Amino acid sequence: MWLIFYPRPYDAAIAVSLALPFLGLLMLWRFEGIAGFNVRAGRPDVTGALLMPGLGLCMRTLLDWNVLAWPAFWVPFAAIALGFFGCALLVKEIRQKASSIFFLALMAAIYGAGATLNLNAILADGKVASYHAKVLHKYVSGGRVTLYNLRLAPWGSLAENDAEVTHATYSKYEIGDTVEILLRTGKFGIPFYCVR
């Protein structure tokens, strides 16, 4: 919840969320029979430590980064997700529960996506390209989580596109205003941008 609602200091919140699932797996392996995975009652359950950080990382990705192109995403995503899944399969309790394997694969995919995109952005070098575009339209979307969107005029190599922004950025601009767009290529070669 720290990562979703108040990620300050930001790098520490990301680091804790990246490490927590592996600490949960370590607890399952080290305290076999004491800590459990997907258990009902009677002993400590580390399922939340395996699931929640991945969800938090994905939520931060949605709120903080707009991915420009996806081809470079798949290789690091597969490496991180399969690495997490493989580490989880080293835990005897997880291997013994056939019903847990599908759930674990889903958790590994969620964690892999969030970890890939956050590491890509956080570890990016300092090279930034700046663009300007007019705001053509503003709208709010989402269900449980409210997403703020600005439709932007063509910029760089992009045609008209929608960018998710923070509430503060959404409130700051009106239709017809010009926004600044900062474009970077991340550590894994995935280009992303943010609107200020």
Protein backbone atom coordinates (compact mmCIF):
# COMPACT_ATOMS: atom_id res chain seq x y z
CA MET A 1 0.00 0.00 0.00
CA TRP A 2 2.96 2.31 0.68
CA LEU A 3 4.00 2.08 -2.97
CA ILE A 4 0.51 2.82 -4.28
CA PHE A 5 -0.67 5.66 -2.06
CA TYR A 6 2.45 7.48 -0.84
CA PRO A 7 5.67 6.24 -2.49
CA ARG A 8 8.10 8.50 -0.63
CA PRO A 9 11.05 8.13 -0.81
CA TYR A 10 10.30 6.79 -4.27
CA ASP A 11 13.42 4.71 -4.89
CA ALA A 12 13.13 3.06 -1.46
CA ALA A 13 9.47 2.17 -2.05
CA ILE A 14 10.35 0.58 -5.41
CA ALA A 15 13.34 -1.29 -3.93
CA VAL A 16 11.27 -2.74 -1.08
CA SER A 17 8.57 -3.85 -3.53
CA LEU A 18 11.16 -5.49 -5.76
CA ALA A 19 12.73 -7.38 -2.84
CA LEU A 20 9.65 -8.35 -0.78
CA PRO A 21 8.44 -11.27 -2.96
CA PHE A 22 11.89 -12.87 -2.80
CA LEU A 23 11.95 -12.39 0.98
CA GLY A 24 8.55 -14.12 1.11
CA LEU A 25 9.94 -17.04 -0.89
CA LEU A 26 12.96 -17.16 1.40
CA MET A 27 10.65 -17.36 4.42
CA LEU A 28 8.71 -20.22 2.85
CA TRP A 29 11.90 -22.10 2.09
CA ARG A 30 13.67 -21.37 5.39
CA PHE A 31 10.67 -21.83 7.70
CA GLU A 32 9.11 -24.79 5.92
CA GLY A 33 5.98 -25.90 7.73
CA ILE A 34 5.80 -22.71 9.81
CA ALA A 35 5.08 -20.04 7.18
CA GLY A 36 2.68 -20.99 4.40
CA PHE A 37 1.54 -20.10 0.90
CA ASN A 38 -2.19 -19.73 0.27
CA VAL A 39 -3.16 -21.27 3.63
CA ARG A 40 -6.47 -20.69 5.39
CA ALA A 41 -5.58 -20.37 9.05
CA GLY A 42 -3.31 -21.62 11.75
CA ARG A 43 0.03 -20.33 10.48
CA PRO A 44 1.51 -17.19 8.93
CA ASP A 45 0.64 -16.76 5.25
CA VAL A 46 3.12 -15.00 2.95
CA THR A 47 0.81 -14.92 -0.08
CA GLY A 48 0.32 -11.16 0.35
CA ALA A 49 4.09 -10.61 0.33
CA LEU A 50 4.27 -12.43 -3.00
CA LEU A 51 1.25 -10.77 -4.63
CA MET A 52 0.92 -7.18 -3.37
CA PRO A 53 4.36 -5.84 -4.40
CA GLY A 54 3.76 -6.90 -8.02
CA LEU A 55 0.37 -5.18 -8.02
CA GLY A 56 1.96 -2.07 -6.49
CA LEU A 57 4.71 -2.03 -9.12
CA CYS A 58 2.14 -2.36 -11.91
CA MET A 59 0.05 0.43 -10.41
CA ARG A 60 3.11 2.71 -10.22
CA THR A 61 3.81 1.89 -13.86
CA LEU A 62 0.30 2.97 -14.85
CA LEU A 63 0.54 6.16 -12.82
CA ASP A 64 4.12 7.19 -13.58
CA TRP A 65 5.26 5.99 -17.00
CA ASN A 66 3.76 6.14 -20.50
CA VAL A 67 5.42 3.48 -22.64
CA LEU A 68 6.03 4.64 -26.20
CA ALA A 69 6.91 1.29 -27.83
CA TRP A 70 6.66 -2.29 -26.54
CA PRO A 71 9.04 -4.51 -28.59
CA ALA A 72 11.99 -4.16 -26.18
CA PHE A 73 9.74 -5.02 -23.21
CA TRP A 74 9.29 -8.74 -23.83
CA VAL A 75 12.81 -10.14 -23.26
CA PRO A 76 13.48 -8.50 -19.85
CA PHE A 77 9.87 -9.21 -18.82
CA ALA A 78 10.26 -12.90 -19.64
CA ALA A 79 13.61 -13.07 -17.80
CA ILE A 80 12.27 -11.43 -14.63
CA ALA A 81 8.93 -13.28 -14.60
CA LEU A 82 10.51 -16.68 -15.30
CA GLY A 83 13.26 -15.98 -12.76
CA PHE A 84 10.67 -15.27 -10.08
CA PHE A 85 8.59 -18.30 -11.11
CA GLY A 86 11.68 -20.53 -11.07
CA CYS A 87 12.69 -19.33 -7.60
CA ALA A 88 9.15 -20.00 -6.38
CA LEU A 89 9.25 -23.55 -7.72
CA LEU A 90 12.30 -24.21 -5.52
CA VAL A 91 9.95 -24.02 -2.52
CA LYS A 92 8.62 -27.49 -1.70
CA GLU A 93 5.23 -26.27 -0.43
CA ILE A 94 4.51 -24.46 -3.69
CA ARG A 95 5.52 -27.45 -5.84
CA GLN A 96 3.20 -29.73 -3.84
CA LYS A 97 0.08 -27.61 -4.50
CA ALA A 98 -0.98 -28.04 -8.11
CA SER A 99 -3.66 -25.37 -7.64
CA SER A 100 -0.97 -22.89 -6.60
CA ILE A 101 1.04 -23.19 -9.82
CA PHE A 102 -1.43 -21.22 -11.98
CA PHE A 103 -1.85 -18.57 -9.27
CA LEU A 104 1.92 -18.35 -8.94
CA ALA A 105 2.39 -18.01 -12.72
CA LEU A 106 -0.08 -15.11 -12.72
CA MET A 107 1.76 -13.46 -9.79
CA ALA A 108 5.09 -13.93 -11.60
CA ALA A 109 3.70 -12.25 -14.74
CA ILE A 110 2.32 -9.30 -12.75
CA TYR A 111 5.57 -8.92 -10.83
CA GLY A 112 7.63 -9.27 -14.04
CA ALA A 113 5.68 -6.54 -15.84
CA GLY A 114 5.85 -4.08 -12.95
CA ALA A 115 9.50 -4.78 -12.19
CA THR A 116 10.56 -4.52 -15.84
CA LEU A 117 8.92 -1.16 -16.49
CA ASN A 118 9.96 0.42 -13.18
CA LEU A 119 13.57 -0.75 -13.44
CA ASN A 120 13.64 0.40 -17.07
CA ALA A 121 12.63 3.92 -16.02
CA ILE A 122 14.52 4.24 -12.74
CA LEU A 123 17.82 2.95 -14.13
CA ALA A 124 17.60 5.01 -17.36
CA ASP A 125 20.52 7.23 -18.22
CA GLY A 126 20.15 11.00 -18.02
CA LYS A 127 19.46 11.63 -21.74
CA VAL A 128 16.10 13.33 -22.15
CA ALA A 129 14.44 14.64 -25.32
CA SER A 130 11.93 17.44 -24.78
CA TYR A 131 8.84 18.00 -26.95
CA HIS A 132 5.83 20.28 -26.76
CA ALA A 133 2.25 19.48 -27.71
CA LYS A 134 -1.15 21.09 -27.36
CA VAL A 135 -3.86 19.57 -25.18
CA LEU A 136 -6.76 18.64 -27.47
CA HIS A 137 -9.04 17.01 -24.91
CA LYS A 138 -9.14 16.06 -21.20
CA TYR A 139 -11.01 13.14 -19.65
CA VAL A 140 -11.13 10.97 -16.56
CA SER A 141 -11.42 7.18 -16.80
CA GLY A 142 -11.25 4.12 -14.58
CA GLY A 143 -13.31 2.30 -12.00
CA ARG A 144 -11.81 1.79 -8.56
CA VAL A 145 -8.75 3.74 -9.59
CA THR A 146 -9.28 7.10 -11.27
CA LEU A 147 -7.03 7.76 -14.25
CA TYR A 148 -6.47 11.25 -15.61
CA ASN A 149 -5.85 11.56 -19.35
CA LEU A 150 -4.81 14.30 -21.74
CA ARG A 151 -5.28 13.87 -25.49
CA LEU A 152 -2.24 15.46 -27.09
CA ALA A 153 -1.66 16.84 -30.57
CA PRO A 154 1.01 15.08 -32.67
CA TRP A 155 4.53 15.33 -31.23
CA GLY A 156 7.83 13.67 -32.15
CA SER A 157 6.99 10.64 -34.29
CA LEU A 158 3.58 10.17 -32.67
CA ALA A 159 0.24 11.06 -34.13
CA GLU A 160 -2.47 12.33 -31.81
CA ASN A 161 -2.29 10.26 -28.61
CA ASP A 162 -3.61 9.99 -25.07
CA ALA A 163 -1.28 10.28 -22.09
CA GLU A 164 -2.07 9.28 -18.52
CA VAL A 165 -1.00 12.02 -16.11
CA THR A 166 -1.16 12.77 -12.42
CA HIS A 167 -4.11 14.63 -10.95
CA ALA A 168 -1.89 17.69 -10.43
CA THR A 169 -0.84 17.73 -14.10
CA TYR A 170 -4.43 17.16 -15.22
CA SER A 171 -5.63 20.10 -13.13
CA LYS A 172 -2.81 22.36 -14.27
CA TYR A 173 -3.69 22.33 -17.99
CA GLU A 174 -6.78 23.26 -19.97
CA ILE A 175 -7.71 22.42 -23.55
CA GLY A 176 -5.52 24.49 -25.88
CA ASP A 177 -2.61 24.77 -23.42
CA THR A 178 0.83 23.49 -24.40
CA VAL A 179 2.47 20.78 -22.29
CA GLU A 180 6.08 19.68 -22.13
CA ILE A 181 6.79 16.01 -22.86
CA LEU A 182 10.00 14.40 -21.64
CA LEU A 183 11.02 11.32 -23.64
CA ARG A 184 13.68 8.87 -22.44
CA THR A 185 14.92 5.43 -23.42
CA GLY A 186 15.16 3.21 -20.38
CA LYS A 187 17.75 0.74 -19.20
CA PHE A 188 16.16 -2.11 -21.18
CA GLY A 189 15.71 -0.01 -24.32
CA ILE A 190 11.99 0.62 -23.69
CA PRO A 191 11.16 4.24 -24.60
CA PHE A 192 8.85 6.04 -22.18
CA TYR A 193 7.65 9.56 -21.60
CA CYS A 194 6.01 11.75 -19.01
CA VAL A 195 4.00 14.94 -19.34
CA ARG A 196 4.79 17.98 -17.18
